[in-house]
Amino acid sequence: MSSDTSTNRTRLIAGLAILTVLLVVVLYSLIQLLPHKQERLLIGHRTIPTTLSYCDAQHSNKLCIVAFTQNLDGSMQVIFQTPRSSYPVFVLQIQNGERVSTYECQRTEDVDTGMICTGEMQIPGQMLQFKVLSKLTGSILAEGEFAIIGVALITPEVEETATIEGLAGTATETPTETLTPAPRFNTPTPTRTPTGLPSYPNPTSYPNLTTYP
């Protein structure tokens, strides 16, 4: 009897645990879907996307574009500011005439409300059509038509660590040429002979002279 009661109690606890997990999953899904429903304004059966433009004081609380930058590989980055950190992930489409380019977007690591979209380079000054599409539902979150004012070029940062280590570390040996000494010869020292004076024989070679009183 006690064993049956223990078994029923175990089953009851397991059932309650499963039910709790299901409720948590459902609540989490509803919370994730709620921001997507708030991104578009409803007027009857029509939906109006947000107007997309450059960021300024009037657009600080909605999706806007901060700047355009160019990578070293020639691609372009579009930097967005979102109204909140829970803004849905999206993709960007830029239409130039009949050509439509798609830009993949991802959240920035340093700013929780920032998004960066990377794709094909566009020419500044041309009128372009911008569309921000929800990556989950494909609906248009924002759109606008304007020209790119300017594109900032991203330059790599030069690290000075290698230079400092090179100066502070082991000195680098500079290869030098080895010079072979030229062979030395014993050159006799010339003896200087006086010139301009006549050479006479030794006086002892003359005969004895007679001495007169």
Protein backbone atom coordinates (compact mmCIF):
# COMPACT_ATOMS: atom_id res chain seq x y z
CA MET A 1 0.00 0.00 0.00
CA SER A 2 2.80 2.37 0.88
CA SER A 3 4.64 1.49 -2.33
CA ASP A 4 1.57 2.42 -4.45
CA THR A 5 1.27 5.74 -2.66
CA SER A 6 4.95 6.49 -3.27
CA THR A 7 4.61 5.61 -6.96
CA ASN A 8 1.57 7.87 -7.39
CA ARG A 9 3.35 10.70 -5.64
CA THR A 10 6.38 10.32 -7.96
CA ARG A 11 4.17 10.39 -11.03
CA LEU A 12 2.37 13.49 -9.75
CA ILE A 13 5.65 15.31 -9.18
CA ALA A 14 6.92 14.33 -12.65
CA GLY A 15 3.68 15.53 -14.23
CA LEU A 16 3.86 18.87 -12.46
CA ALA A 17 7.48 19.31 -13.53
CA ILE A 18 6.63 18.65 -17.19
CA LEU A 19 3.68 21.03 -17.02
CA THR A 20 5.90 23.74 -15.53
CA VAL A 21 8.47 23.35 -18.31
CA LEU A 22 5.75 23.60 -20.96
CA LEU A 23 4.37 26.78 -19.40
CA VAL A 24 7.83 28.34 -19.33
CA VAL A 25 8.39 27.51 -23.02
CA VAL A 26 5.02 29.00 -24.00
CA LEU A 27 5.63 32.18 -22.02
CA TYR A 28 9.11 32.58 -23.51
CA SER A 29 7.73 32.19 -27.04
CA LEU A 30 5.05 34.83 -26.39
CA ILE A 31 7.63 37.26 -25.03
CA GLN A 32 9.82 36.78 -28.11
CA LEU A 33 6.92 37.35 -30.49
CA LEU A 34 5.59 40.41 -28.67
CA PRO A 35 8.27 42.89 -29.93
CA HIS A 36 7.63 41.84 -33.52
CA LYS A 37 3.97 42.75 -33.25
CA GLN A 38 4.78 46.17 -31.85
CA GLU A 39 7.06 47.17 -34.71
CA ARG A 40 4.24 48.01 -37.10
CA LEU A 41 1.35 50.40 -36.71
CA LEU A 42 -2.06 48.97 -37.44
CA ILE A 43 -4.73 51.06 -39.19
CA GLY A 44 -7.73 48.86 -39.86
CA HIS A 45 -6.38 46.00 -41.96
CA ARG A 46 -3.40 48.01 -43.25
CA THR A 47 0.08 48.14 -41.78
CA ILE A 48 2.44 51.10 -42.12
CA PRO A 49 6.21 50.50 -41.75
CA THR A 50 8.40 52.97 -39.92
CA THR A 51 10.07 55.65 -42.04
CA LEU A 52 13.80 54.98 -42.28
CA SER A 53 16.27 57.87 -42.33
CA TYR A 54 19.51 59.13 -40.78
CA CYS A 55 19.63 59.36 -37.00
CA ASP A 56 19.04 62.76 -35.41
CA ALA A 57 17.38 64.18 -32.30
CA GLN A 58 13.90 63.42 -33.68
CA HIS A 59 14.70 59.77 -34.54
CA SER A 60 16.47 58.74 -31.35
CA ASN A 61 13.60 56.47 -30.27
CA LYS A 62 13.14 54.54 -33.51
CA LEU A 63 15.15 52.62 -36.07
CA CYS A 64 17.58 54.87 -37.94
CA ILE A 65 20.94 54.81 -39.77
CA VAL A 66 24.00 56.14 -37.97
CA ALA A 67 26.60 55.98 -40.75
CA PHE A 68 27.98 54.16 -43.79
CA THR A 69 31.50 52.73 -43.76
CA GLN A 70 33.71 50.88 -46.24
CA ASN A 71 35.80 47.84 -45.33
CA LEU A 72 39.27 47.15 -46.63
CA ASP A 73 37.88 44.44 -48.94
CA GLY A 74 35.61 47.01 -50.65
CA SER A 75 32.34 45.97 -49.01
CA MET A 76 30.04 48.47 -47.31
CA GLN A 77 28.69 48.47 -43.77
CA VAL A 78 25.46 50.17 -42.74
CA ILE A 79 25.39 50.99 -39.01
CA PHE A 80 21.92 51.09 -37.44
CA GLN A 81 20.61 52.28 -34.13
CA THR A 82 17.61 50.34 -32.84
CA PRO A 83 15.02 51.61 -30.33
CA ARG A 84 15.87 48.88 -27.82
CA SER A 85 18.12 45.89 -27.31
CA SER A 86 15.25 43.44 -27.90
CA TYR A 87 14.61 44.77 -31.43
CA PRO A 88 14.16 41.83 -33.82
CA VAL A 89 17.02 40.74 -36.04
CA PHE A 90 16.55 41.95 -39.61
CA VAL A 91 18.09 42.05 -43.08
CA LEU A 92 18.56 45.13 -45.22
CA GLN A 93 17.69 45.52 -48.89
CA ILE A 94 19.00 48.42 -50.96
CA GLN A 95 17.53 48.99 -54.40
CA ASN A 96 19.46 51.03 -56.96
CA GLY A 97 17.34 51.23 -60.08
CA GLU A 98 16.45 47.64 -60.94
CA ARG A 99 19.30 46.13 -58.92
CA VAL A 100 18.47 44.91 -55.40
CA SER A 101 21.28 44.10 -52.96
CA THR A 102 20.74 42.21 -49.71
CA TYR A 103 22.80 42.94 -46.60
CA GLU A 104 23.15 40.49 -43.71
CA CYS A 105 22.85 42.18 -40.32
CA GLN A 106 24.04 41.28 -36.83
CA ARG A 107 24.11 42.91 -33.43
CA THR A 108 27.18 44.81 -32.30
CA GLU A 109 29.15 43.62 -29.29
CA ASP A 110 29.94 46.99 -27.73
CA VAL A 111 26.49 48.66 -28.13
CA ASP A 112 23.40 46.60 -27.27
CA THR A 113 21.12 48.75 -29.48
CA GLY A 114 23.47 48.69 -32.48
CA MET A 115 23.17 46.63 -35.65
CA ILE A 116 25.66 46.37 -38.54
CA CYS A 117 24.67 45.24 -42.03
CA THR A 118 27.38 44.24 -44.53
CA GLY A 119 27.09 43.93 -48.29
CA GLU A 120 27.76 45.45 -51.68
CA MET A 121 29.28 48.92 -51.96
CA GLN A 122 26.92 51.70 -53.13
CA ILE A 123 27.85 54.96 -54.83
CA PRO A 124 27.22 58.04 -52.65
CA GLY A 125 24.91 60.69 -54.06
CA GLN A 126 22.52 58.32 -55.85
CA MET A 127 18.92 57.99 -54.70
CA LEU A 128 18.44 54.55 -53.15
CA GLN A 129 15.46 52.65 -51.78
CA PHE A 130 16.05 51.10 -48.35
CA LYS A 131 13.93 48.30 -46.86
CA VAL A 132 14.44 46.68 -43.46
CA LEU A 133 12.87 43.20 -43.36
CA SER A 134 12.29 41.06 -40.29
CA LYS A 135 14.47 37.97 -40.52
CA LEU A 136 11.80 35.93 -38.73
CA THR A 137 8.61 36.92 -40.54
CA GLY A 138 9.89 38.70 -43.67
CA SER A 139 7.64 41.71 -43.02
CA ILE A 140 8.84 45.25 -43.69
CA LEU A 141 9.87 46.94 -40.45
CA ALA A 142 11.06 50.23 -41.97
CA GLU A 143 11.71 51.74 -45.39
CA GLY A 144 12.92 54.99 -46.86
CA GLU A 145 14.34 56.61 -49.98
CA PHE A 146 17.38 58.87 -49.75
CA ALA A 147 20.97 59.22 -50.96
CA ILE A 148 24.11 58.22 -49.12
CA ILE A 149 25.79 61.42 -47.98
CA GLY A 150 29.25 59.92 -47.48
CA VAL A 151 31.09 56.69 -46.74
CA ALA A 152 33.81 56.54 -44.08
CA LEU A 153 36.83 54.37 -44.82
CA ILE A 154 37.86 51.94 -42.09
CA THR A 155 41.65 51.97 -41.60
CA PRO A 156 43.50 49.19 -39.75
CA GLU A 157 45.10 50.00 -36.42
CA VAL A 158 48.88 49.78 -36.43
CA GLU A 159 50.16 47.83 -33.47
CA GLU A 160 53.34 49.22 -31.95
CA THR A 161 53.99 46.14 -29.81
CA ALA A 162 56.20 44.51 -32.41
CA THR A 163 58.32 47.63 -32.76
CA ILE A 164 58.71 48.02 -29.01
CA GLU A 165 59.58 44.38 -28.54
CA GLY A 166 62.08 44.61 -31.36
CA LEU A 167 63.83 47.49 -29.63
CA ALA A 168 63.71 45.97 -26.17
CA GLY A 169 64.47 42.41 -27.18
CA THR A 170 67.58 40.74 -28.52
CA ALA A 171 69.49 42.93 -30.90
CA THR A 172 69.36 41.79 -34.48
CA GLU A 173 72.73 41.11 -35.97
CA THR A 174 73.39 42.95 -39.20
CA PRO A 175 75.36 40.85 -41.65
CA THR A 176 78.69 42.47 -42.51
CA GLU A 177 81.10 41.66 -45.27
CA THR A 178 84.38 40.01 -44.28
CA LEU A 179 87.32 41.79 -45.84
CA THR A 180 90.34 39.62 -46.74
CA PRO A 181 93.63 41.46 -46.14
CA ALA A 182 95.85 41.93 -49.18
CA PRO A 183 99.13 39.93 -49.25
CA ARG A 184 102.11 41.75 -47.77
CA PHE A 185 105.47 41.85 -49.56
CA ASN A 186 108.89 42.71 -48.06
CA THR A 187 109.90 45.74 -50.07
CA PRO A 188 113.61 46.64 -49.61
CA THR A 189 114.24 50.08 -48.22
CA PRO A 190 116.20 52.10 -50.75
CA THR A 191 119.61 53.52 -49.62
CA ARG A 192 120.11 57.16 -50.45
CA THR A 193 123.47 57.89 -52.11
CA PRO A 194 124.77 61.47 -51.84
CA THR A 195 125.04 63.16 -55.18
CA GLY A 196 126.96 66.26 -56.39
CA LEU A 197 130.25 65.46 -54.64
CA PRO A 198 133.22 63.95 -56.56
CA SER A 199 134.41 60.62 -55.45
CA TYR A 200 138.16 60.49 -54.68
CA PRO A 201 140.24 57.45 -53.86
CA ASN A 202 141.45 56.83 -50.37
CA PRO A 203 144.44 59.16 -49.52
CA THR A 204 146.44 56.21 -48.34
CA SER A 205 146.61 55.04 -51.89
CA TYR A 206 148.86 57.99 -52.93
CA PRO A 207 152.75 57.69 -52.77
CA ASN A 208 154.66 59.26 -49.90
CA LEU A 209 155.45 62.89 -50.48
CA THR A 210 158.96 64.20 -49.78
CA THR A 211 159.09 66.76 -47.07
CA TYR A 212 161.45 69.65 -47.70
CA PRO A 213 162.96 71.80 -45.04
